[in-house]
Amino acid sequence: FSLSTALNAQDKSQDGDWSDIIPLEVIPV
């Protein structure tokens, strides 16, 4: 399970990643 988790970890160069929270003065709906 340790090896399979390491092999399936997210590749940021291929899958991307989340940015920081975007600061807005409103909560968009």
mmCIF file of all heavy atoms, coordinates in Angstrom:
data_MODEL
# 
_entry.id   MODEL 
# 
loop_
_atom_site.group_PDB 
_atom_site.id 
_atom_site.type_symbol 
_atom_site.label_atom_id 
_atom_site.label_alt_id 
_atom_site.label_comp_id 
_atom_site.label_asym_id 
_atom_site.label_entity_id 
_atom_site.label_seq_id 
_atom_site.pdbx_PDB_ins_code 
_atom_site.Cartn_x 
_atom_site.Cartn_y 
_atom_site.Cartn_z 
_atom_site.occupancy 
_atom_site.B_iso_or_equiv 
_atom_site.pdbx_formal_charge 
_atom_site.auth_seq_id 
_atom_site.auth_comp_id 
_atom_site.auth_asym_id 
_atom_site.auth_atom_id 
_atom_site.pdbx_PDB_model_num 
ATOM 1   N N   . PHE A 1 1  ? 0.824   -1.209 0.000   1.00 0.00 ? 1  PHE A N   1 
ATOM 2   C CA  . PHE A 1 1  ? 0.000   0.000  0.000   1.00 0.00 ? 1  PHE A CA  1 
ATOM 3   C C   . PHE A 1 1  ? 0.861   1.264  0.000   1.00 0.00 ? 1  PHE A C   1 
ATOM 4   O O   . PHE A 1 1  ? 0.522   2.251  -0.647  1.00 0.00 ? 1  PHE A O   1 
ATOM 5   C CB  . PHE A 1 1  ? -0.978  0.002  1.179   1.00 0.00 ? 1  PHE A CB  1 
ATOM 6   C CG  . PHE A 1 1  ? -2.122  -0.946 0.976   1.00 0.00 ? 1  PHE A CG  1 
ATOM 7   C CD1 . PHE A 1 1  ? -2.339  -1.982 1.848   1.00 0.00 ? 1  PHE A CD1 1 
ATOM 8   C CD2 . PHE A 1 1  ? -2.978  -0.803 -0.113  1.00 0.00 ? 1  PHE A CD2 1 
ATOM 9   C CE1 . PHE A 1 1  ? -3.389  -2.857 1.658   1.00 0.00 ? 1  PHE A CE1 1 
ATOM 10  C CE2 . PHE A 1 1  ? -4.033  -1.672 -0.313  1.00 0.00 ? 1  PHE A CE2 1 
ATOM 11  C CZ  . PHE A 1 1  ? -4.245  -2.715 0.574   1.00 0.00 ? 1  PHE A CZ  1 
ATOM 12  N N   . SER A 1 2  ? 1.985   1.245  0.690   1.00 0.00 ? 2  SER A N   1 
ATOM 13  C CA  . SER A 1 2  ? 2.882   2.407  0.689   1.00 0.00 ? 2  SER A CA  1 
ATOM 14  C C   . SER A 1 2  ? 3.440   2.663  -0.704  1.00 0.00 ? 2  SER A C   1 
ATOM 15  O O   . SER A 1 2  ? 3.465   3.795  -1.183  1.00 0.00 ? 2  SER A O   1 
ATOM 16  C CB  . SER A 1 2  ? 4.044   2.190  1.664   1.00 0.00 ? 2  SER A CB  1 
ATOM 17  O OG  . SER A 1 2  ? 3.562   2.098  2.971   1.00 0.00 ? 2  SER A OG  1 
ATOM 18  N N   . LEU A 1 3  ? 3.877   1.606  -1.377  1.00 0.00 ? 3  LEU A N   1 
ATOM 19  C CA  . LEU A 1 3  ? 4.433   1.762  -2.724  1.00 0.00 ? 3  LEU A CA  1 
ATOM 20  C C   . LEU A 1 3  ? 3.363   2.156  -3.729  1.00 0.00 ? 3  LEU A C   1 
ATOM 21  O O   . LEU A 1 3  ? 3.594   2.997  -4.590  1.00 0.00 ? 3  LEU A O   1 
ATOM 22  C CB  . LEU A 1 3  ? 5.122   0.473  -3.159  1.00 0.00 ? 3  LEU A CB  1 
ATOM 23  C CG  . LEU A 1 3  ? 6.431   0.148  -2.446  1.00 0.00 ? 3  LEU A CG  1 
ATOM 24  C CD1 . LEU A 1 3  ? 6.942   -1.223 -2.872  1.00 0.00 ? 3  LEU A CD1 1 
ATOM 25  C CD2 . LEU A 1 3  ? 7.467   1.220  -2.699  1.00 0.00 ? 3  LEU A CD2 1 
ATOM 26  N N   . SER A 1 4  ? 2.177   1.576  -3.626  1.00 0.00 ? 4  SER A N   1 
ATOM 27  C CA  . SER A 1 4  ? 1.130   1.914  -4.591  1.00 0.00 ? 4  SER A CA  1 
ATOM 28  C C   . SER A 1 4  ? 0.668   3.355  -4.403  1.00 0.00 ? 4  SER A C   1 
ATOM 29  O O   . SER A 1 4  ? 0.363   4.053  -5.371  1.00 0.00 ? 4  SER A O   1 
ATOM 30  C CB  . SER A 1 4  ? -0.052  0.949  -4.489  1.00 0.00 ? 4  SER A CB  1 
ATOM 31  O OG  . SER A 1 4  ? -0.702  1.096  -3.247  1.00 0.00 ? 4  SER A OG  1 
ATOM 32  N N   . THR A 1 5  ? 0.635   3.848  -3.169  1.00 0.00 ? 5  THR A N   1 
ATOM 33  C CA  . THR A 1 5  ? 0.275   5.245  -2.922  1.00 0.00 ? 5  THR A CA  1 
ATOM 34  C C   . THR A 1 5  ? 1.334   6.171  -3.513  1.00 0.00 ? 5  THR A C   1 
ATOM 35  O O   . THR A 1 5  ? 1.013   7.168  -4.152  1.00 0.00 ? 5  THR A O   1 
ATOM 36  C CB  . THR A 1 5  ? 0.121   5.504  -1.410  1.00 0.00 ? 5  THR A CB  1 
ATOM 37  O OG1 . THR A 1 5  ? -0.894  4.647  -0.914  1.00 0.00 ? 5  THR A OG1 1 
ATOM 38  C CG2 . THR A 1 5  ? -0.250  6.945  -1.141  1.00 0.00 ? 5  THR A CG2 1 
ATOM 39  N N   . ALA A 1 6  ? 2.594   5.833  -3.327  1.00 0.00 ? 6  ALA A N   1 
ATOM 40  C CA  . ALA A 1 6  ? 3.675   6.661  -3.860  1.00 0.00 ? 6  ALA A CA  1 
ATOM 41  C C   . ALA A 1 6  ? 3.657   6.661  -5.387  1.00 0.00 ? 6  ALA A C   1 
ATOM 42  O O   . ALA A 1 6  ? 3.877   7.697  -6.020  1.00 0.00 ? 6  ALA A O   1 
ATOM 43  C CB  . ALA A 1 6  ? 5.020   6.162  -3.343  1.00 0.00 ? 6  ALA A CB  1 
ATOM 44  N N   . LEU A 1 7  ? 3.354   5.536  -6.010  1.00 0.00 ? 7  LEU A N   1 
ATOM 45  C CA  . LEU A 1 7  ? 3.339   5.462  -7.466  1.00 0.00 ? 7  LEU A CA  1 
ATOM 46  C C   . LEU A 1 7  ? 2.148   6.201  -8.069  1.00 0.00 ? 7  LEU A C   1 
ATOM 47  O O   . LEU A 1 7  ? 2.212   6.686  -9.180  1.00 0.00 ? 7  LEU A O   1 
ATOM 48  C CB  . LEU A 1 7  ? 3.320   3.996  -7.912  1.00 0.00 ? 7  LEU A CB  1 
ATOM 49  C CG  . LEU A 1 7  ? 4.602   3.210  -7.622  1.00 0.00 ? 7  LEU A CG  1 
ATOM 50  C CD1 . LEU A 1 7  ? 4.397   1.740  -7.985  1.00 0.00 ? 7  LEU A CD1 1 
ATOM 51  C CD2 . LEU A 1 7  ? 5.778   3.786  -8.374  1.00 0.00 ? 7  LEU A CD2 1 
ATOM 52  N N   . ASN A 1 8  ? 1.045   6.283  -7.314  1.00 0.00 ? 8  ASN A N   1 
ATOM 53  C CA  . ASN A 1 8  ? -0.159  6.939  -7.812  1.00 0.00 ? 8  ASN A CA  1 
ATOM 54  C C   . ASN A 1 8  ? -0.300  8.375  -7.321  1.00 0.00 ? 8  ASN A C   1 
ATOM 55  O O   . ASN A 1 8  ? -1.342  8.982  -7.501  1.00 0.00 ? 8  ASN A O   1 
ATOM 56  C CB  . ASN A 1 8  ? -1.401  6.139  -7.418  1.00 0.00 ? 8  ASN A CB  1 
ATOM 57  C CG  . ASN A 1 8  ? -1.471  4.826  -8.154  1.00 0.00 ? 8  ASN A CG  1 
ATOM 58  O OD1 . ASN A 1 8  ? -1.092  4.745  -9.317  1.00 0.00 ? 8  ASN A OD1 1 
ATOM 59  N ND2 . ASN A 1 8  ? -1.928  3.787  -7.479  1.00 0.00 ? 8  ASN A ND2 1 
ATOM 60  N N   . ALA A 1 9  ? 0.720   8.927  -6.705  1.00 0.00 ? 9  ALA A N   1 
ATOM 61  C CA  . ALA A 1 9  ? 0.654   10.304 -6.204  1.00 0.00 ? 9  ALA A CA  1 
ATOM 62  C C   . ALA A 1 9  ? 0.474   11.270 -7.368  1.00 0.00 ? 9  ALA A C   1 
ATOM 63  O O   . ALA A 1 9  ? 0.872   10.999 -8.491  1.00 0.00 ? 9  ALA A O   1 
ATOM 64  C CB  . ALA A 1 9  ? 1.923   10.643 -5.430  1.00 0.00 ? 9  ALA A CB  1 
ATOM 65  N N   . GLN A 1 10 ? -0.134  12.395 -7.086  1.00 0.00 ? 10 GLN A N   1 
ATOM 66  C CA  . GLN A 1 10 ? -0.414  13.387 -8.125  1.00 0.00 ? 10 GLN A CA  1 
ATOM 67  C C   . GLN A 1 10 ? 0.876   13.954 -8.701  1.00 0.00 ? 10 GLN A C   1 
ATOM 68  O O   . GLN A 1 10 ? 1.788   14.329 -7.979  1.00 0.00 ? 10 GLN A O   1 
ATOM 69  C CB  . GLN A 1 10 ? -1.241  14.520 -7.540  1.00 0.00 ? 10 GLN A CB  1 
ATOM 70  C CG  . GLN A 1 10 ? -1.612  15.566 -8.555  1.00 0.00 ? 10 GLN A CG  1 
ATOM 71  C CD  . GLN A 1 10 ? -2.436  16.687 -7.943  1.00 0.00 ? 10 GLN A CD  1 
ATOM 72  O OE1 . GLN A 1 10 ? -2.586  16.757 -6.740  1.00 0.00 ? 10 GLN A OE1 1 
ATOM 73  N NE2 . GLN A 1 10 ? -2.951  17.553 -8.773  1.00 0.00 ? 10 GLN A NE2 1 
ATOM 74  N N   . ASP A 1 11 ? 0.947   14.008 -10.004 1.00 0.00 ? 11 ASP A N   1 
ATOM 75  C CA  . ASP A 1 11 ? 2.061   14.615 -10.705 1.00 0.00 ? 11 ASP A CA  1 
ATOM 76  C C   . ASP A 1 11 ? 1.640   16.033 -11.091 1.00 0.00 ? 11 ASP A C   1 
ATOM 77  O O   . ASP A 1 11 ? 0.855   16.222 -12.017 1.00 0.00 ? 11 ASP A O   1 
ATOM 78  C CB  . ASP A 1 11 ? 2.411   13.793 -11.946 1.00 0.00 ? 11 ASP A CB  1 
ATOM 79  C CG  . ASP A 1 11 ? 3.547   14.388 -12.754 1.00 0.00 ? 11 ASP A CG  1 
ATOM 80  O OD1 . ASP A 1 11 ? 4.113   15.422 -12.339 1.00 0.00 ? 11 ASP A OD1 1 
ATOM 81  O OD2 . ASP A 1 11 ? 3.868   13.824 -13.815 1.00 0.00 ? 11 ASP A OD2 1 
ATOM 82  N N   . LYS A 1 12 ? 2.130   17.049 -10.364 1.00 0.00 ? 12 LYS A N   1 
ATOM 83  C CA  . LYS A 1 12 ? 1.702   18.432 -10.588 1.00 0.00 ? 12 LYS A CA  1 
ATOM 84  C C   . LYS A 1 12 ? 1.964   18.908 -12.006 1.00 0.00 ? 12 LYS A C   1 
ATOM 85  O O   . LYS A 1 12 ? 1.204   19.690 -12.552 1.00 0.00 ? 12 LYS A O   1 
ATOM 86  C CB  . LYS A 1 12 ? 2.389   19.367 -9.594  1.00 0.00 ? 12 LYS A CB  1 
ATOM 87  C CG  . LYS A 1 12 ? 1.914   19.202 -8.181  1.00 0.00 ? 12 LYS A CG  1 
ATOM 88  C CD  . LYS A 1 12 ? 2.594   20.186 -7.265  1.00 0.00 ? 12 LYS A CD  1 
ATOM 89  C CE  . LYS A 1 12 ? 2.148   19.984 -5.839  1.00 0.00 ? 12 LYS A CE  1 
ATOM 90  N NZ  . LYS A 1 12 ? 2.768   20.944 -4.942  1.00 0.00 ? 12 LYS A NZ  1 
ATOM 91  N N   . SER A 1 13 ? 3.036   18.416 -12.624 1.00 0.00 ? 13 SER A N   1 
ATOM 92  C CA  . SER A 1 13 ? 3.322   18.865 -13.985 1.00 0.00 ? 13 SER A CA  1 
ATOM 93  C C   . SER A 1 13 ? 2.298   18.333 -14.980 1.00 0.00 ? 13 SER A C   1 
ATOM 94  O O   . SER A 1 13 ? 2.088   18.918 -16.030 1.00 0.00 ? 13 SER A O   1 
ATOM 95  C CB  . SER A 1 13 ? 4.726   18.435 -14.403 1.00 0.00 ? 13 SER A CB  1 
ATOM 96  O OG  . SER A 1 13 ? 4.798   17.014 -14.481 1.00 0.00 ? 13 SER A OG  1 
ATOM 97  N N   . GLN A 1 14 ? 1.642   17.225 -14.637 1.00 0.00 ? 14 GLN A N   1 
ATOM 98  C CA  . GLN A 1 14 ? 0.651   16.646 -15.543 1.00 0.00 ? 14 GLN A CA  1 
ATOM 99  C C   . GLN A 1 14 ? -0.780  16.998 -15.119 1.00 0.00 ? 14 GLN A C   1 
ATOM 100 O O   . GLN A 1 14 ? -1.614  17.331 -15.960 1.00 0.00 ? 14 GLN A O   1 
ATOM 101 C CB  . GLN A 1 14 ? 0.801   15.132 -15.573 1.00 0.00 ? 14 GLN A CB  1 
ATOM 102 C CG  . GLN A 1 14 ? -0.178  14.450 -16.514 1.00 0.00 ? 14 GLN A CG  1 
ATOM 103 C CD  . GLN A 1 14 ? 0.030   12.953 -16.557 1.00 0.00 ? 14 GLN A CD  1 
ATOM 104 O OE1 . GLN A 1 14 ? 0.959   12.426 -15.967 1.00 0.00 ? 14 GLN A OE1 1 
ATOM 105 N NE2 . GLN A 1 14 ? -0.823  12.264 -17.256 1.00 0.00 ? 14 GLN A NE2 1 
ATOM 106 N N   . ASP A 1 15 ? -1.077  16.922 -13.820 1.00 0.00 ? 15 ASP A N   1 
ATOM 107 C CA  . ASP A 1 15 ? -2.444  17.095 -13.332 1.00 0.00 ? 15 ASP A CA  1 
ATOM 108 C C   . ASP A 1 15 ? -2.742  18.491 -12.812 1.00 0.00 ? 15 ASP A C   1 
ATOM 109 O O   . ASP A 1 15 ? -3.897  18.830 -12.599 1.00 0.00 ? 15 ASP A O   1 
ATOM 110 C CB  . ASP A 1 15 ? -2.725  16.097 -12.201 1.00 0.00 ? 15 ASP A CB  1 
ATOM 111 C CG  . ASP A 1 15 ? -2.614  14.661 -12.687 1.00 0.00 ? 15 ASP A CG  1 
ATOM 112 O OD1 . ASP A 1 15 ? -2.876  14.416 -13.874 1.00 0.00 ? 15 ASP A OD1 1 
ATOM 113 O OD2 . ASP A 1 15 ? -2.251  13.793 -11.878 1.00 0.00 ? 15 ASP A OD2 1 
ATOM 114 N N   . GLY A 1 16 ? -1.723  19.323 -12.586 1.00 0.00 ? 16 GLY A N   1 
ATOM 115 C CA  . GLY A 1 16 ? -1.936  20.645 -12.008 1.00 0.00 ? 16 GLY A CA  1 
ATOM 116 C C   . GLY A 1 16 ? -2.115  20.556 -10.507 1.00 0.00 ? 16 GLY A C   1 
ATOM 117 O O   . GLY A 1 16 ? -2.013  19.500 -9.908  1.00 0.00 ? 16 GLY A O   1 
ATOM 118 N N   . ASP A 1 17 ? -2.375  21.692 -9.882  1.00 0.00 ? 17 ASP A N   1 
ATOM 119 C CA  . ASP A 1 17 ? -2.635  21.720 -8.451  1.00 0.00 ? 17 ASP A CA  1 
ATOM 120 C C   . ASP A 1 17 ? -3.487  22.939 -8.134  1.00 0.00 ? 17 ASP A C   1 
ATOM 121 O O   . ASP A 1 17 ? -3.716  23.800 -8.975  1.00 0.00 ? 17 ASP A O   1 
ATOM 122 C CB  . ASP A 1 17 ? -1.344  21.705 -7.636  1.00 0.00 ? 17 ASP A CB  1 
ATOM 123 C CG  . ASP A 1 17 ? -0.433  22.881 -7.939  1.00 0.00 ? 17 ASP A CG  1 
ATOM 124 O OD1 . ASP A 1 17 ? -0.689  23.606 -8.904  1.00 0.00 ? 17 ASP A OD1 1 
ATOM 125 O OD2 . ASP A 1 17 ? 0.542   23.077 -7.204  1.00 0.00 ? 17 ASP A OD2 1 
ATOM 126 N N   . TRP A 1 18 ? -3.999  22.998 -6.918  1.00 0.00 ? 18 TRP A N   1 
ATOM 127 C CA  . TRP A 1 18 ? -4.855  24.094 -6.486  1.00 0.00 ? 18 TRP A CA  1 
ATOM 128 C C   . TRP A 1 18 ? -4.018  25.335 -6.222  1.00 0.00 ? 18 TRP A C   1 
ATOM 129 O O   . TRP A 1 18 ? -2.903  25.260 -5.705  1.00 0.00 ? 18 TRP A O   1 
ATOM 130 C CB  . TRP A 1 18 ? -5.603  23.713 -5.210  1.00 0.00 ? 18 TRP A CB  1 
ATOM 131 C CG  . TRP A 1 18 ? -6.650  22.680 -5.442  1.00 0.00 ? 18 TRP A CG  1 
ATOM 132 C CD1 . TRP A 1 18 ? -6.527  21.328 -5.269  1.00 0.00 ? 18 TRP A CD1 1 
ATOM 133 C CD2 . TRP A 1 18 ? -7.970  22.891 -5.902  1.00 0.00 ? 18 TRP A CD2 1 
ATOM 134 N NE1 . TRP A 1 18 ? -7.686  20.706 -5.595  1.00 0.00 ? 18 TRP A NE1 1 
ATOM 135 C CE2 . TRP A 1 18 ? -8.603  21.640 -5.979  1.00 0.00 ? 18 TRP A CE2 1 
ATOM 136 C CE3 . TRP A 1 18 ? -8.691  24.023 -6.261  1.00 0.00 ? 18 TRP A CE3 1 
ATOM 137 C CZ2 . TRP A 1 18 ? -9.913  21.493 -6.397  1.00 0.00 ? 18 TRP A CZ2 1 
ATOM 138 C CZ3 . TRP A 1 18 ? -10.010 23.869 -6.666  1.00 0.00 ? 18 TRP A CZ3 1 
ATOM 139 C CH2 . TRP A 1 18 ? -10.603 22.623 -6.733  1.00 0.00 ? 18 TRP A CH2 1 
ATOM 140 N N   . SER A 1 19 ? -4.572  26.515 -6.536  1.00 0.00 ? 19 SER A N   1 
ATOM 141 C CA  . SER A 1 19 ? -3.892  27.776 -6.235  1.00 0.00 ? 19 SER A CA  1 
ATOM 142 C C   . SER A 1 19 ? -4.259  28.207 -4.818  1.00 0.00 ? 19 SER A C   1 
ATOM 143 O O   . SER A 1 19 ? -5.075  27.572 -4.145  1.00 0.00 ? 19 SER A O   1 
ATOM 144 C CB  . SER A 1 19 ? -4.332  28.867 -7.222  1.00 0.00 ? 19 SER A CB  1 
ATOM 145 O OG  . SER A 1 19 ? -5.663  29.267 -6.963  1.00 0.00 ? 19 SER A OG  1 
ATOM 146 N N   . ASP A 1 20 ? -3.682  29.307 -4.399  1.00 0.00 ? 20 ASP A N   1 
ATOM 147 C CA  . ASP A 1 20 ? -4.102  29.919 -3.151  1.00 0.00 ? 20 ASP A CA  1 
ATOM 148 C C   . ASP A 1 20 ? -5.532  30.431 -3.320  1.00 0.00 ? 20 ASP A C   1 
ATOM 149 O O   . ASP A 1 20 ? -6.040  30.557 -4.435  1.00 0.00 ? 20 ASP A O   1 
ATOM 150 C CB  . ASP A 1 20 ? -3.185  31.102 -2.807  1.00 0.00 ? 20 ASP A CB  1 
ATOM 151 C CG  . ASP A 1 20 ? -1.765  30.651 -2.499  1.00 0.00 ? 20 ASP A CG  1 
ATOM 152 O OD1 . ASP A 1 20 ? -1.581  29.515 -2.031  1.00 0.00 ? 20 ASP A OD1 1 
ATOM 153 O OD2 . ASP A 1 20 ? -0.841  31.448 -2.741  1.00 0.00 ? 20 ASP A OD2 1 
ATOM 154 N N   . ILE A 1 21 ? -6.189  30.743 -2.212  1.00 0.00 ? 21 ILE A N   1 
ATOM 155 C CA  . ILE A 1 21 ? -7.542  31.295 -2.267  1.00 0.00 ? 21 ILE A CA  1 
ATOM 156 C C   . ILE A 1 21 ? -7.494  32.661 -2.930  1.00 0.00 ? 21 ILE A C   1 
ATOM 157 O O   . ILE A 1 21 ? -6.627  33.484 -2.636  1.00 0.00 ? 21 ILE A O   1 
ATOM 158 C CB  . ILE A 1 21 ? -8.133  31.403 -0.847  1.00 0.00 ? 21 ILE A CB  1 
ATOM 159 C CG1 . ILE A 1 21 ? -8.312  30.009 -0.272  1.00 0.00 ? 21 ILE A CG1 1 
ATOM 160 C CG2 . ILE A 1 21 ? -9.446  32.162 -0.857  1.00 0.00 ? 21 ILE A CG2 1 
ATOM 161 C CD1 . ILE A 1 21 ? -8.726  29.986 1.167   1.00 0.00 ? 21 ILE A CD1 1 
ATOM 162 N N   . ILE A 1 22 ? -8.419  32.914 -3.830  1.00 0.00 ? 22 ILE A N   1 
ATOM 163 C CA  . ILE A 1 22 ? -8.475  34.197 -4.539  1.00 0.00 ? 22 ILE A CA  1 
ATOM 164 C C   . ILE A 1 22 ? -9.207  35.199 -3.652  1.00 0.00 ? 22 ILE A C   1 
ATOM 165 O O   . ILE A 1 22 ? -10.367 34.985 -3.307  1.00 0.00 ? 22 ILE A O   1 
ATOM 166 C CB  . ILE A 1 22 ? -9.197  34.043 -5.886  1.00 0.00 ? 22 ILE A CB  1 
ATOM 167 C CG1 . ILE A 1 22 ? -8.391  33.093 -6.778  1.00 0.00 ? 22 ILE A CG1 1 
ATOM 168 C CG2 . ILE A 1 22 ? -9.390  35.392 -6.549  1.00 0.00 ? 22 ILE A CG2 1 
ATOM 169 C CD1 . ILE A 1 22 ? -9.112  32.670 -8.026  1.00 0.00 ? 22 ILE A CD1 1 
ATOM 170 N N   . PRO A 1 23 ? -8.538  36.271 -3.252  1.00 0.00 ? 23 PRO A N   1 
ATOM 171 C CA  . PRO A 1 23 ? -9.185  37.240 -2.363  1.00 0.00 ? 23 PRO A CA  1 
ATOM 172 C C   . PRO A 1 23 ? -10.169 38.140 -3.114  1.00 0.00 ? 23 PRO A C   1 
ATOM 173 O O   . PRO A 1 23 ? -9.784  38.860 -4.024  1.00 0.00 ? 23 PRO A O   1 
ATOM 174 C CB  . PRO A 1 23 ? -8.009  38.043 -1.805  1.00 0.00 ? 23 PRO A CB  1 
ATOM 175 C CG  . PRO A 1 23 ? -6.954  37.948 -2.861  1.00 0.00 ? 23 PRO A CG  1 
ATOM 176 C CD  . PRO A 1 23 ? -7.155  36.609 -3.541  1.00 0.00 ? 23 PRO A CD  1 
ATOM 177 N N   . LEU A 1 24 ? -11.442 38.052 -2.755  1.00 0.00 ? 24 LEU A N   1 
ATOM 178 C CA  . LEU A 1 24 ? -12.481 38.916 -3.296  1.00 0.00 ? 24 LEU A CA  1 
ATOM 179 C C   . LEU A 1 24 ? -13.224 39.554 -2.130  1.00 0.00 ? 24 LEU A C   1 
ATOM 180 O O   . LEU A 1 24 ? -13.238 39.019 -1.028  1.00 0.00 ? 24 LEU A O   1 
ATOM 181 C CB  . LEU A 1 24 ? -13.471 38.120 -4.157  1.00 0.00 ? 24 LEU A CB  1 
ATOM 182 C CG  . LEU A 1 24 ? -12.936 37.509 -5.442  1.00 0.00 ? 24 LEU A CG  1 
ATOM 183 C CD1 . LEU A 1 24 ? -13.989 36.598 -6.068  1.00 0.00 ? 24 LEU A CD1 1 
ATOM 184 C CD2 . LEU A 1 24 ? -12.533 38.591 -6.419  1.00 0.00 ? 24 LEU A CD2 1 
ATOM 185 N N   . GLU A 1 25 ? -13.863 40.676 -2.383  1.00 0.00 ? 25 GLU A N   1 
ATOM 186 C CA  . GLU A 1 25 ? -14.643 41.337 -1.340  1.00 0.00 ? 25 GLU A CA  1 
ATOM 187 C C   . GLU A 1 25 ? -16.049 40.758 -1.232  1.00 0.00 ? 25 GLU A C   1 
ATOM 188 O O   . GLU A 1 25 ? -16.764 41.058 -0.295  1.00 0.00 ? 25 GLU A O   1 
ATOM 189 C CB  . GLU A 1 25 ? -14.701 42.847 -1.605  1.00 0.00 ? 25 GLU A CB  1 
ATOM 190 C CG  . GLU A 1 25 ? -13.342 43.513 -1.462  1.00 0.00 ? 25 GLU A CG  1 
ATOM 191 C CD  . GLU A 1 25 ? -13.396 45.011 -1.680  1.00 0.00 ? 25 GLU A CD  1 
ATOM 192 O OE1 . GLU A 1 25 ? -14.468 45.615 -1.508  1.00 0.00 ? 25 GLU A OE1 1 
ATOM 193 O OE2 . GLU A 1 25 ? -12.352 45.576 -2.031  1.00 0.00 ? 25 GLU A OE2 1 
ATOM 194 N N   . VAL A 1 26 ? -16.466 39.954 -2.197  1.00 0.00 ? 26 VAL A N   1 
ATOM 195 C CA  . VAL A 1 26 ? -17.782 39.327 -2.186  1.00 0.00 ? 26 VAL A CA  1 
ATOM 196 C C   . VAL A 1 26 ? -17.619 37.815 -2.299  1.00 0.00 ? 26 VAL A C   1 
ATOM 197 O O   . VAL A 1 26 ? -16.578 37.324 -2.732  1.00 0.00 ? 26 VAL A O   1 
ATOM 198 C CB  . VAL A 1 26 ? -18.671 39.840 -3.348  1.00 0.00 ? 26 VAL A CB  1 
ATOM 199 C CG1 . VAL A 1 26 ? -18.844 41.341 -3.268  1.00 0.00 ? 26 VAL A CG1 1 
ATOM 200 C CG2 . VAL A 1 26 ? -18.126 39.442 -4.692  1.00 0.00 ? 26 VAL A CG2 1 
ATOM 201 N N   . ILE A 1 27 ? -18.655 37.089 -1.903  1.00 0.00 ? 27 ILE A N   1 
ATOM 202 C CA  . ILE A 1 27 ? -18.696 35.646 -2.129  1.00 0.00 ? 27 ILE A CA  1 
ATOM 203 C C   . ILE A 1 27 ? -19.576 35.423 -3.354  1.00 0.00 ? 27 ILE A C   1 
ATOM 204 O O   . ILE A 1 27 ? -20.788 35.617 -3.288  1.00 0.00 ? 27 ILE A O   1 
ATOM 205 C CB  . ILE A 1 27 ? -19.238 34.889 -0.906  1.00 0.00 ? 27 ILE A CB  1 
ATOM 206 C CG1 . ILE A 1 27 ? -18.293 35.104 0.270   1.00 0.00 ? 27 ILE A CG1 1 
ATOM 207 C CG2 . ILE A 1 27 ? -19.402 33.413 -1.228  1.00 0.00 ? 27 ILE A CG2 1 
ATOM 208 C CD1 . ILE A 1 27 ? -18.754 34.491 1.566   1.00 0.00 ? 27 ILE A CD1 1 
ATOM 209 N N   . PRO A 1 28 ? -18.994 35.058 -4.488  1.00 0.00 ? 28 PRO A N   1 
ATOM 210 C CA  . PRO A 1 28 ? -19.765 34.972 -5.731  1.00 0.00 ? 28 PRO A CA  1 
ATOM 211 C C   . PRO A 1 28 ? -20.803 33.859 -5.724  1.00 0.00 ? 28 PRO A C   1 
ATOM 212 O O   . PRO A 1 28 ? -20.526 32.746 -5.288  1.00 0.00 ? 28 PRO A O   1 
ATOM 213 C CB  . PRO A 1 28 ? -18.707 34.679 -6.786  1.00 0.00 ? 28 PRO A CB  1 
ATOM 214 C CG  . PRO A 1 28 ? -17.404 35.051 -6.178  1.00 0.00 ? 28 PRO A CG  1 
ATOM 215 C CD  . PRO A 1 28 ? -17.571 34.832 -4.707  1.00 0.00 ? 28 PRO A CD  1 
ATOM 216 N N   . VAL A 1 29 ? -22.018 34.180 -6.191  1.00 0.00 ? 29 VAL A N   1 
ATOM 217 C CA  . VAL A 1 29 ? -23.046 33.173 -6.442  1.00 0.00 ? 29 VAL A CA  1 
ATOM 218 C C   . VAL A 1 29 ? -23.382 33.126 -7.930  1.00 0.00 ? 29 VAL A C   1 
ATOM 219 O O   . VAL A 1 29 ? -24.113 32.250 -8.367  1.00 0.00 ? 29 VAL A O   1 
ATOM 220 C CB  . VAL A 1 29 ? -24.332 33.417 -5.621  1.00 0.00 ? 29 VAL A CB  1 
ATOM 221 C CG1 . VAL A 1 29 ? -24.052 33.287 -4.140  1.00 0.00 ? 29 VAL A CG1 1 
ATOM 222 C CG2 . VAL A 1 29 ? -24.959 34.750 -5.944  1.00 0.00 ? 29 VAL A CG2 1 
# 
